[in-house]
Amino acid sequence: MKATGIVRRIDNLGRLVIPREVRKSLLIREGDSLEIFVGSEGEIILQKFSYIKKLSDFAAKYAESLHESVGHIACIADRDQIIAVSGRPKKEFLHKNIGEAVKKIMEERRAVLINKNGGRNCCTIFAEEGNRYAAEVIAPIMVEGDPIGAVILASGEPNARFGDLELKSAVTAASFLSKQMEQ
Protein backbone atom coordinates (compact mmCIF):
# COMPACT_ATOMS: atom_id res chain seq x y z
CA MET A 1 0.00 0.00 0.00
CA LYS A 2 1.15 3.49 -0.81
CA ALA A 3 0.40 6.35 1.60
CA THR A 4 -1.00 9.55 0.08
CA GLY A 5 -0.66 11.78 3.13
CA ILE A 6 -4.32 12.79 2.75
CA VAL A 7 -6.56 12.56 5.81
CA ARG A 8 -10.36 12.87 5.67
CA ARG A 9 -12.97 12.88 8.42
CA ILE A 10 -16.13 10.74 8.23
CA ASP A 11 -19.24 12.94 8.45
CA ASN A 12 -22.29 12.31 10.68
CA LEU A 13 -23.92 10.19 7.93
CA GLY A 14 -20.89 7.90 7.68
CA ARG A 15 -19.68 9.37 4.37
CA LEU A 16 -16.10 9.85 3.33
CA VAL A 17 -15.01 12.10 0.47
CA ILE A 18 -12.39 10.64 -1.83
CA PRO A 19 -10.16 13.54 -2.92
CA ARG A 20 -10.43 14.70 -6.54
CA GLU A 21 -6.73 13.99 -7.19
CA VAL A 22 -7.15 10.36 -6.10
CA ARG A 23 -10.35 9.93 -8.12
CA LYS A 24 -8.69 11.41 -11.19
CA SER A 25 -5.56 9.26 -10.96
CA LEU A 26 -7.63 6.09 -10.50
CA LEU A 27 -10.20 7.05 -13.19
CA ILE A 28 -13.06 6.98 -10.67
CA ARG A 29 -16.07 8.91 -11.94
CA GLU A 30 -19.40 9.86 -10.41
CA GLY A 31 -21.63 6.81 -10.52
CA ASP A 32 -18.78 4.27 -10.46
CA SER A 33 -19.10 1.38 -8.03
CA LEU A 34 -16.39 0.62 -5.49
CA GLU A 35 -15.90 -2.75 -3.85
CA ILE A 36 -14.98 -2.67 -0.15
CA PHE A 37 -12.49 -5.10 1.39
CA VAL A 38 -11.29 -5.35 4.97
CA GLY A 39 -7.63 -6.26 5.54
CA SER A 40 -6.29 -8.52 8.24
CA GLU A 41 -4.98 -5.55 10.23
CA GLY A 42 -8.15 -3.47 10.08
CA GLU A 43 -7.46 -1.71 6.77
CA ILE A 44 -10.33 -0.68 4.55
CA ILE A 45 -9.48 -1.23 0.90
CA LEU A 46 -11.57 0.31 -1.86
CA GLN A 47 -11.28 -1.15 -5.35
CA LYS A 48 -13.02 0.03 -8.49
CA PHE A 49 -15.67 -2.56 -9.30
CA SER A 50 -16.26 -3.84 -12.83
CA TYR A 51 -19.25 -6.05 -13.52
CA ILE A 52 -17.66 -7.16 -16.75
CA LYS A 53 -14.34 -8.18 -15.20
CA LYS A 54 -16.33 -10.58 -13.02
CA LEU A 55 -17.30 -12.34 -16.26
CA SER A 56 -13.95 -11.96 -18.05
CA ASP A 57 -13.63 -15.66 -18.99
CA PHE A 58 -17.18 -15.66 -20.34
CA ALA A 59 -16.55 -12.35 -22.16
CA ALA A 60 -13.41 -13.78 -23.79
CA LYS A 61 -15.37 -16.76 -25.13
CA TYR A 62 -18.13 -14.48 -26.36
CA ALA A 63 -15.58 -12.25 -28.15
CA GLU A 64 -14.15 -15.35 -29.86
CA SER A 65 -17.61 -16.44 -31.01
CA LEU A 66 -18.41 -12.95 -32.24
CA HIS A 67 -15.13 -12.77 -34.19
CA GLU A 68 -15.79 -16.18 -35.76
CA SER A 69 -19.30 -15.07 -36.77
CA VAL A 70 -18.52 -11.68 -38.32
CA GLY A 71 -14.83 -12.08 -39.21
CA HIS A 72 -13.76 -8.77 -37.66
CA ILE A 73 -11.91 -7.70 -34.52
CA ALA A 74 -14.25 -8.20 -31.55
CA CYS A 75 -13.61 -6.51 -28.21
CA ILE A 76 -15.52 -6.30 -24.97
CA ALA A 77 -14.70 -3.38 -22.68
CA ASP A 78 -15.73 -2.21 -19.26
CA ARG A 79 -16.00 1.55 -18.65
CA ASP A 80 -12.22 1.98 -18.76
CA GLN A 81 -10.40 -0.72 -20.70
CA ILE A 82 -10.62 -3.71 -23.03
CA ILE A 83 -11.14 -6.89 -21.02
CA ALA A 84 -11.59 -9.40 -23.89
CA VAL A 85 -10.48 -9.46 -27.52
CA SER A 86 -10.48 -11.81 -30.49
CA GLY A 87 -9.20 -11.28 -34.02
CA ARG A 88 -5.94 -9.58 -33.06
CA PRO A 89 -3.08 -10.50 -30.71
CA LYS A 90 -4.21 -9.93 -27.14
CA LYS A 91 -1.15 -7.81 -26.32
CA GLU A 92 -2.35 -5.18 -28.85
CA PHE A 93 -5.71 -4.70 -27.14
CA LEU A 94 -6.08 -6.39 -23.74
CA HIS A 95 -6.10 -4.02 -20.74
CA LYS A 96 -5.59 -0.93 -22.89
CA ASN A 97 -7.60 2.12 -21.86
CA ILE A 98 -10.46 2.97 -24.19
CA GLY A 99 -10.62 6.42 -25.78
CA GLU A 100 -12.90 9.31 -24.88
CA ALA A 101 -14.94 8.81 -28.08
CA VAL A 102 -15.94 5.29 -26.96
CA LYS A 103 -16.75 6.54 -23.45
CA LYS A 104 -18.96 9.26 -24.94
CA ILE A 105 -20.83 6.73 -27.10
CA MET A 106 -21.41 4.55 -24.00
CA GLU A 107 -22.78 7.55 -22.08
CA GLU A 108 -25.16 8.30 -24.97
CA ARG A 109 -26.61 4.81 -24.41
CA ARG A 110 -27.01 3.93 -28.07
CA ALA A 111 -25.15 1.77 -30.56
CA VAL A 112 -23.13 3.57 -33.22
CA LEU A 113 -21.94 2.34 -36.63
CA ILE A 114 -19.07 4.34 -38.12
CA ASN A 115 -17.57 3.84 -41.59
CA LYS A 116 -14.52 5.57 -42.99
CA ASN A 117 -15.54 8.90 -44.45
CA GLY A 118 -13.59 10.79 -47.10
CA GLY A 119 -10.31 9.03 -46.36
CA ARG A 120 -10.52 9.66 -42.60
CA ASN A 121 -10.63 6.73 -40.25
CA CYS A 122 -13.11 6.25 -37.44
CA CYS A 123 -13.06 7.32 -33.83
CA THR A 124 -10.20 6.26 -31.63
CA ILE A 125 -10.91 3.06 -29.70
CA PHE A 126 -7.90 3.46 -27.42
CA ALA A 127 -6.76 6.46 -25.44
CA GLU A 128 -3.15 6.24 -26.62
CA GLU A 129 -3.42 5.59 -30.35
CA GLY A 130 -4.35 7.35 -33.54
CA ASN A 131 -7.29 6.50 -35.75
CA ARG A 132 -6.56 3.31 -37.65
CA TYR A 133 -9.86 1.54 -38.21
CA ALA A 134 -11.87 1.86 -41.41
CA ALA A 135 -15.11 0.67 -39.80
CA GLU A 136 -16.37 0.33 -36.24
CA VAL A 137 -19.48 -0.58 -34.31
CA ILE A 138 -19.75 0.34 -30.65
CA ALA A 139 -22.71 -1.03 -28.67
CA PRO A 140 -23.05 -0.10 -24.98
CA ILE A 141 -23.66 -2.82 -22.41
CA MET A 142 -26.37 -1.52 -20.09
CA VAL A 143 -27.30 -2.70 -16.59
CA GLU A 144 -30.26 -1.07 -14.84
CA GLY A 145 -30.10 1.82 -17.32
CA ASP A 146 -26.40 2.56 -16.76
CA PRO A 147 -23.60 1.88 -19.26
CA ILE A 148 -21.08 -0.54 -17.76
CA GLY A 149 -19.11 -1.34 -20.91
CA ALA A 150 -19.31 -1.89 -24.64
CA VAL A 151 -19.04 -4.44 -27.40
CA ILE A 152 -16.74 -3.12 -30.11
CA LEU A 153 -16.30 -4.47 -33.63
CA ALA A 154 -13.56 -2.98 -35.79
CA SER A 155 -11.81 -3.49 -39.10
CA GLY A 156 -8.51 -2.07 -40.23
CA GLU A 157 -9.03 -3.20 -43.83
CA PRO A 158 -8.81 0.00 -45.92
CA ASN A 159 -12.08 -0.55 -47.82
CA ALA A 160 -14.10 -2.23 -45.08
CA ARG A 161 -17.66 -1.06 -44.59
CA PHE A 162 -19.94 -2.20 -41.82
CA GLY A 163 -23.68 -2.51 -42.16
CA ASP A 164 -26.72 -3.96 -40.44
CA LEU A 165 -25.09 -7.37 -39.86
CA GLU A 166 -22.26 -5.93 -37.76
CA LEU A 167 -24.53 -3.46 -35.99
CA LYS A 168 -27.10 -6.10 -35.06
CA SER A 169 -24.38 -8.56 -34.02
CA ALA A 170 -22.82 -6.05 -31.63
CA VAL A 171 -26.20 -4.94 -30.25
CA THR A 172 -27.23 -8.57 -29.70
CA ALA A 173 -23.94 -9.31 -27.94
CA ALA A 174 -24.31 -6.22 -25.72
CA SER A 175 -27.89 -7.18 -24.86
CA PHE A 176 -26.89 -10.75 -24.04
CA LEU A 177 -24.01 -9.60 -21.82
CA SER A 178 -26.37 -7.14 -20.10
CA LYS A 179 -28.71 -9.97 -19.22
CA GLN A 180 -25.79 -12.03 -17.85
CA MET A 181 -24.82 -9.13 -15.57
CA GLU A 182 -28.34 -8.70 -14.24
CA GLN A 183 -28.58 -12.34 -13.04
C-alpha atoms as a PDB file:
ATOM      1  CA  MET A   1       0.000   0.000   0.000  1.00  0.00           C
ATOM      2  CA  LYS A   2       1.152   3.491  -0.805  1.00  0.00           C
ATOM      3  CA  ALA A   3       0.398   6.350   1.599  1.00  0.00           C
ATOM      4  CA  THR A   4      -1.000   9.554   0.075  1.00  0.00           C
ATOM      5  CA  GLY A   5      -0.664  11.775   3.135  1.00  0.00           C
ATOM      6  CA  ILE A   6      -4.320  12.793   2.753  1.00  0.00           C
ATOM      7  CA  VAL A   7      -6.562  12.561   5.812  1.00  0.00           C
ATOM      8  CA  ARG A   8     -10.360  12.868   5.670  1.00  0.00           C
ATOM      9  CA  ARG A   9     -12.973  12.876   8.423  1.00  0.00           C
ATOM     10  CA  ILE A  10     -16.126  10.743   8.231  1.00  0.00           C
ATOM     11  CA  ASP A  11     -19.242  12.937   8.446  1.00  0.00           C
ATOM     12  CA  ASN A  12     -22.288  12.311  10.678  1.00  0.00           C
ATOM     13  CA  LEU A  13     -23.921  10.191   7.931  1.00  0.00           C
ATOM     14  CA  GLY A  14     -20.888   7.898   7.683  1.00  0.00           C
ATOM     15  CA  ARG A  15     -19.680   9.365   4.373  1.00  0.00           C
ATOM     16  CA  LEU A  16     -16.101   9.847   3.333  1.00  0.00           C
ATOM     17  CA  VAL A  17     -15.015  12.104   0.472  1.00  0.00           C
ATOM     18  CA  ILE A  18     -12.387  10.640  -1.832  1.00  0.00           C
ATOM     19  CA  PRO A  19     -10.164  13.540  -2.919  1.00  0.00           C
ATOM     20  CA  ARG A  20     -10.427  14.702  -6.538  1.00  0.00           C
ATOM     21  CA  GLU A  21      -6.728  13.986  -7.189  1.00  0.00           C
ATOM     22  CA  VAL A  22      -7.148  10.362  -6.100  1.00  0.00           C
ATOM     23  CA  ARG A  23     -10.354   9.928  -8.124  1.00  0.00           C
ATOM     24  CA  LYS A  24      -8.692  11.415 -11.192  1.00  0.00           C
ATOM     25  CA  SER A  25      -5.555   9.264 -10.956  1.00  0.00           C
ATOM     26  CA  LEU A  26      -7.628   6.093 -10.498  1.00  0.00           C
ATOM     27  CA  LEU A  27     -10.196   7.047 -13.188  1.00  0.00           C
ATOM     28  CA  ILE A  28     -13.057   6.981 -10.668  1.00  0.00           C
ATOM     29  CA  ARG A  29     -16.075   8.911 -11.940  1.00  0.00           C
ATOM     30  CA  GLU A  30     -19.396   9.863 -10.408  1.00  0.00           C
ATOM     31  CA  GLY A  31     -21.633   6.814 -10.521  1.00  0.00           C
ATOM     32  CA  ASP A  32     -18.779   4.273 -10.459  1.00  0.00           C
ATOM     33  CA  SER A  33     -19.101   1.378  -8.035  1.00  0.00           C
ATOM     34  CA  LEU A  34     -16.389   0.624  -5.494  1.00  0.00           C
ATOM     35  CA  GLU A  35     -15.895  -2.753  -3.845  1.00  0.00           C
ATOM     36  CA  ILE A  36     -14.976  -2.674  -0.151  1.00  0.00           C
ATOM     37  CA  PHE A  37     -12.489  -5.103   1.386  1.00  0.00           C
ATOM     38  CA  VAL A  38     -11.288  -5.348   4.966  1.00  0.00           C
ATOM     39  CA  GLY A  39      -7.635  -6.255   5.541  1.00  0.00           C
ATOM     40  CA  SER A  40      -6.295  -8.524   8.244  1.00  0.00           C
ATOM     41  CA  GLU A  41      -4.977  -5.552  10.231  1.00  0.00           C
ATOM     42  CA  GLY A  42      -8.151  -3.466  10.076  1.00  0.00           C
ATOM     43  CA  GLU A  43      -7.458  -1.707   6.765  1.00  0.00           C
ATOM     44  CA  ILE A  44     -10.327  -0.679   4.555  1.00  0.00           C
ATOM     45  CA  ILE A  45      -9.481  -1.226   0.901  1.00  0.00           C
ATOM     46  CA  LEU A  46     -11.571   0.312  -1.861  1.00  0.00           C
ATOM     47  CA  GLN A  47     -11.279  -1.150  -5.353  1.00  0.00           C
ATOM     48  CA  LYS A  48     -13.016   0.027  -8.486  1.00  0.00           C
ATOM     49  CA  PHE A  49     -15.674  -2.557  -9.298  1.00  0.00           C
ATOM     50  CA  SER A  50     -16.258  -3.839 -12.834  1.00  0.00           C
ATOM     51  CA  TYR A  51     -19.254  -6.047 -13.515  1.00  0.00           C
ATOM     52  CA  ILE A  52     -17.661  -7.161 -16.755  1.00  0.00           C
ATOM     53  CA  LYS A  53     -14.336  -8.179 -15.198  1.00  0.00           C
ATOM     54  CA  LYS A  54     -16.328 -10.581 -13.018  1.00  0.00           C
ATOM     55  CA  LEU A  55     -17.303 -12.335 -16.261  1.00  0.00           C
ATOM     56  CA  SER A  56     -13.950 -11.961 -18.053  1.00  0.00           C
ATOM     57  CA  ASP A  57     -13.631 -15.656 -18.995  1.00  0.00           C
ATOM     58  CA  PHE A  58     -17.176 -15.662 -20.341  1.00  0.00           C
ATOM     59  CA  ALA A  59     -16.554 -12.350 -22.160  1.00  0.00           C
ATOM     60  CA  ALA A  60     -13.415 -13.776 -23.791  1.00  0.00           C
ATOM     61  CA  LYS A  61     -15.366 -16.762 -25.126  1.00  0.00           C
ATOM     62  CA  TYR A  62     -18.131 -14.483 -26.357  1.00  0.00           C
ATOM     63  CA  ALA A  63     -15.580 -12.246 -28.147  1.00  0.00           C
ATOM     64  CA  GLU A  64     -14.147 -15.351 -29.861  1.00  0.00           C
ATOM     65  CA  SER A  65     -17.607 -16.435 -31.008  1.00  0.00           C
ATOM     66  CA  LEU A  66     -18.406 -12.945 -32.243  1.00  0.00           C
ATOM     67  CA  HIS A  67     -15.127 -12.775 -34.187  1.00  0.00           C
ATOM     68  CA  GLU A  68     -15.794 -16.181 -35.758  1.00  0.00           C
ATOM     69  CA  SER A  69     -19.298 -15.071 -36.771  1.00  0.00           C
ATOM     70  CA  VAL A  70     -18.520 -11.682 -38.316  1.00  0.00           C
ATOM     71  CA  GLY A  71     -14.827 -12.083 -39.207  1.00  0.00           C
ATOM     72  CA  HIS A  72     -13.762  -8.769 -37.656  1.00  0.00           C
ATOM     73  CA  ILE A  73     -11.909  -7.698 -34.517  1.00  0.00           C
ATOM     74  CA  ALA A  74     -14.248  -8.204 -31.551  1.00  0.00           C
ATOM     75  CA  CYS A  75     -13.613  -6.507 -28.208  1.00  0.00           C
ATOM     76  CA  ILE A  76     -15.520  -6.305 -24.965  1.00  0.00           C
ATOM     77  CA  ALA A  77     -14.701  -3.377 -22.679  1.00  0.00           C
ATOM     78  CA  ASP A  78     -15.730  -2.207 -19.258  1.00  0.00           C
ATOM     79  CA  ARG A  79     -16.002   1.550 -18.652  1.00  0.00           C
ATOM     80  CA  ASP A  80     -12.223   1.985 -18.763  1.00  0.00           C
ATOM     81  CA  GLN A  81     -10.402  -0.717 -20.705  1.00  0.00           C
ATOM     82  CA  ILE A  82     -10.618  -3.708 -23.028  1.00  0.00           C
ATOM     83  CA  ILE A  83     -11.142  -6.890 -21.020  1.00  0.00           C
ATOM     84  CA  ALA A  84     -11.592  -9.400 -23.889  1.00  0.00           C
ATOM     85  CA  VAL A  85     -10.478  -9.465 -27.523  1.00  0.00           C
ATOM     86  CA  SER A  86     -10.479 -11.805 -30.493  1.00  0.00           C
ATOM     87  CA  GLY A  87      -9.204 -11.282 -34.016  1.00  0.00           C
ATOM     88  CA  ARG A  88      -5.940  -9.583 -33.060  1.00  0.00           C
ATOM     89  CA  PRO A  89      -3.080 -10.497 -30.715  1.00  0.00           C
ATOM     90  CA  LYS A  90      -4.210  -9.935 -27.144  1.00  0.00           C
ATOM     91  CA  LYS A  91      -1.146  -7.807 -26.315  1.00  0.00           C
ATOM     92  CA  GLU A  92      -2.354  -5.180 -28.853  1.00  0.00           C
ATOM     93  CA  PHE A  93      -5.710  -4.704 -27.139  1.00  0.00           C
ATOM     94  CA  LEU A  94      -6.084  -6.390 -23.745  1.00  0.00           C
ATOM     95  CA  HIS A  95      -6.104  -4.024 -20.737  1.00  0.00           C
ATOM     96  CA  LYS A  96      -5.594  -0.927 -22.892  1.00  0.00           C
ATOM     97  CA  ASN A  97      -7.599   2.122 -21.865  1.00  0.00           C
ATOM     98  CA  ILE A  98     -10.461   2.971 -24.189  1.00  0.00           C
ATOM     99  CA  GLY A  99     -10.624   6.420 -25.777  1.00  0.00           C
ATOM    100  CA  GLU A 100     -12.896   9.314 -24.882  1.00  0.00           C
ATOM    101  CA  ALA A 101     -14.936   8.809 -28.077  1.00  0.00           C
ATOM    102  CA  VAL A 102     -15.939   5.293 -26.965  1.00  0.00           C
ATOM    103  CA  LYS A 103     -16.754   6.540 -23.450  1.00  0.00           C
ATOM    104  CA  LYS A 104     -18.962   9.259 -24.938  1.00  0.00           C
ATOM    105  CA  ILE A 105     -20.828   6.731 -27.096  1.00  0.00           C
ATOM    106  CA  MET A 106     -21.405   4.553 -23.999  1.00  0.00           C
ATOM    107  CA  GLU A 107     -22.776   7.551 -22.077  1.00  0.00           C
ATOM    108  CA  GLU A 108     -25.164   8.305 -24.968  1.00  0.00           C
ATOM    109  CA  ARG A 109     -26.610   4.811 -24.407  1.00  0.00           C
ATOM    110  CA  ARG A 110     -27.011   3.928 -28.072  1.00  0.00           C
ATOM    111  CA  ALA A 111     -25.148   1.765 -30.560  1.00  0.00           C
ATOM    112  CA  VAL A 112     -23.131   3.568 -33.221  1.00  0.00           C
ATOM    113  CA  LEU A 113     -21.942   2.337 -36.626  1.00  0.00           C
ATOM    114  CA  ILE A 114     -19.074   4.344 -38.122  1.00  0.00           C
ATOM    115  CA  ASN A 115     -17.575   3.844 -41.585  1.00  0.00           C
ATOM    116  CA  LYS A 116     -14.520   5.573 -42.986  1.00  0.00           C
ATOM    117  CA  ASN A 117     -15.542   8.901 -44.451  1.00  0.00           C
ATOM    118  CA  GLY A 118     -13.593  10.792 -47.098  1.00  0.00           C
ATOM    119  CA  GLY A 119     -10.306   9.028 -46.358  1.00  0.00           C
ATOM    120  CA  ARG A 120     -10.517   9.658 -42.595  1.00  0.00           C
ATOM    121  CA  ASN A 121     -10.632   6.733 -40.246  1.00  0.00           C
ATOM    122  CA  CYS A 122     -13.113   6.246 -37.440  1.00  0.00           C
ATOM    123  CA  CYS A 123     -13.059   7.321 -33.826  1.00  0.00           C
ATOM    124  CA  THR A 124     -10.203   6.262 -31.626  1.00  0.00           C
ATOM    125  CA  ILE A 125     -10.905   3.064 -29.704  1.00  0.00           C
ATOM    126  CA  PHE A 126      -7.905   3.465 -27.421  1.00  0.00           C
ATOM    127  CA  ALA A 127      -6.764   6.463 -25.444  1.00  0.00           C
ATOM    128  CA  GLU A 128      -3.152   6.245 -26.617  1.00  0.00           C
ATOM    129  CA  GLU A 129      -3.419   5.589 -30.349  1.00  0.00           C
ATOM    130  CA  GLY A 130      -4.346   7.350 -33.542  1.00  0.00           C
ATOM    131  CA  ASN A 131      -7.291   6.502 -35.755  1.00  0.00           C
ATOM    132  CA  ARG A 132      -6.561   3.307 -37.648  1.00  0.00           C
ATOM    133  CA  TYR A 133      -9.858   1.542 -38.209  1.00  0.00           C
ATOM    134  CA  ALA A 134     -11.874   1.864 -41.408  1.00  0.00           C
ATOM    135  CA  ALA A 135     -15.108   0.675 -39.804  1.00  0.00           C
ATOM    136  CA  GLU A 136     -16.373   0.333 -36.238  1.00  0.00           C
ATOM    137  CA  VAL A 137     -19.476  -0.578 -34.306  1.00  0.00           C
ATOM    138  CA  ILE A 138     -19.751   0.336 -30.645  1.00  0.00           C
ATOM    139  CA  ALA A 139     -22.712  -1.030 -28.672  1.00  0.00           C
ATOM    140  CA  PRO A 140     -23.046  -0.101 -24.981  1.00  0.00           C
ATOM    141  CA  ILE A 141     -23.659  -2.820 -22.408  1.00  0.00           C
ATOM    142  CA  MET A 142     -26.372  -1.516 -20.090  1.00  0.00           C
ATOM    143  CA  VAL A 143     -27.301  -2.705 -16.594  1.00  0.00           C
ATOM    144  CA  GLU A 144     -30.259  -1.072 -14.845  1.00  0.00           C
ATOM    145  CA  GLY A 145     -30.097   1.822 -17.316  1.00  0.00           C
ATOM    146  CA  ASP A 146     -26.400   2.563 -16.758  1.00  0.00           C
ATOM    147  CA  PRO A 147     -23.600   1.882 -19.260  1.00  0.00           C
ATOM    148  CA  ILE A 148     -21.078  -0.540 -17.759  1.00  0.00           C
ATOM    149  CA  GLY A 149     -19.107  -1.344 -20.907  1.00  0.00           C
ATOM    150  CA  ALA A 150     -19.310  -1.885 -24.636  1.00  0.00           C
ATOM    151  CA  VAL A 151     -19.039  -4.437 -27.398  1.00  0.00           C
ATOM    152  CA  ILE A 152     -16.737  -3.117 -30.109  1.00  0.00           C
ATOM    153  CA  LEU A 153     -16.297  -4.471 -33.626  1.00  0.00           C
ATOM    154  CA  ALA A 154     -13.563  -2.978 -35.787  1.00  0.00           C
ATOM    155  CA  SER A 155     -11.810  -3.485 -39.102  1.00  0.00           C
ATOM    156  CA  GLY A 156      -8.505  -2.066 -40.233  1.00  0.00           C
ATOM    157  CA  GLU A 157      -9.025  -3.200 -43.827  1.00  0.00           C
ATOM    158  CA  PRO A 158      -8.813   0.004 -45.922  1.00  0.00           C
ATOM    159  CA  ASN A 159     -12.077  -0.553 -47.823  1.00  0.00           C
ATOM    160  CA  ALA A 160     -14.097  -2.234 -45.079  1.00  0.00           C
ATOM    161  CA  ARG A 161     -17.661  -1.056 -44.595  1.00  0.00           C
ATOM    162  CA  PHE A 162     -19.942  -2.196 -41.820  1.00  0.00           C
ATOM    163  CA  GLY A 163     -23.682  -2.508 -42.155  1.00  0.00           C
ATOM    164  CA  ASP A 164     -26.721  -3.963 -40.440  1.00  0.00           C
ATOM    165  CA  LEU A 165     -25.094  -7.370 -39.859  1.00  0.00           C
ATOM    166  CA  GLU A 166     -22.264  -5.934 -37.765  1.00  0.00           C
ATOM    167  CA  LEU A 167     -24.528  -3.461 -35.988  1.00  0.00           C
ATOM    168  CA  LYS A 168     -27.097  -6.096 -35.055  1.00  0.00           C
ATOM    169  CA  SER A 169     -24.376  -8.565 -34.023  1.00  0.00           C
ATOM    170  CA  ALA A 170     -22.818  -6.049 -31.626  1.00  0.00           C
ATOM    171  CA  VAL A 171     -26.200  -4.940 -30.252  1.00  0.00           C
ATOM    172  CA  THR A 172     -27.231  -8.571 -29.695  1.00  0.00           C
ATOM    173  CA  ALA A 173     -23.935  -9.305 -27.938  1.00  0.00           C
ATOM    174  CA  ALA A 174     -24.312  -6.218 -25.716  1.00  0.00           C
ATOM    175  CA  SER A 175     -27.889  -7.177 -24.864  1.00  0.00           C
ATOM    176  CA  PHE A 176     -26.891 -10.749 -24.039  1.00  0.00           C
ATOM    177  CA  LEU A 177     -24.012  -9.598 -21.820  1.00  0.00           C
ATOM    178  CA  SER A 178     -26.371  -7.140 -20.096  1.00  0.00           C
ATOM    179  CA  LYS A 179     -28.712  -9.973 -19.216  1.00  0.00           C
ATOM    180  CA  GLN A 180     -25.793 -12.025 -17.845  1.00  0.00           C
ATOM    181  CA  MET A 181     -24.819  -9.125 -15.574  1.00  0.00           C
ATOM    182  CA  GLU A 182     -28.345  -8.702 -14.236  1.00  0.00           C
ATOM    183  CA  GLN A 183     -28.579 -12.338 -13.042  1.00  0.00           C
END
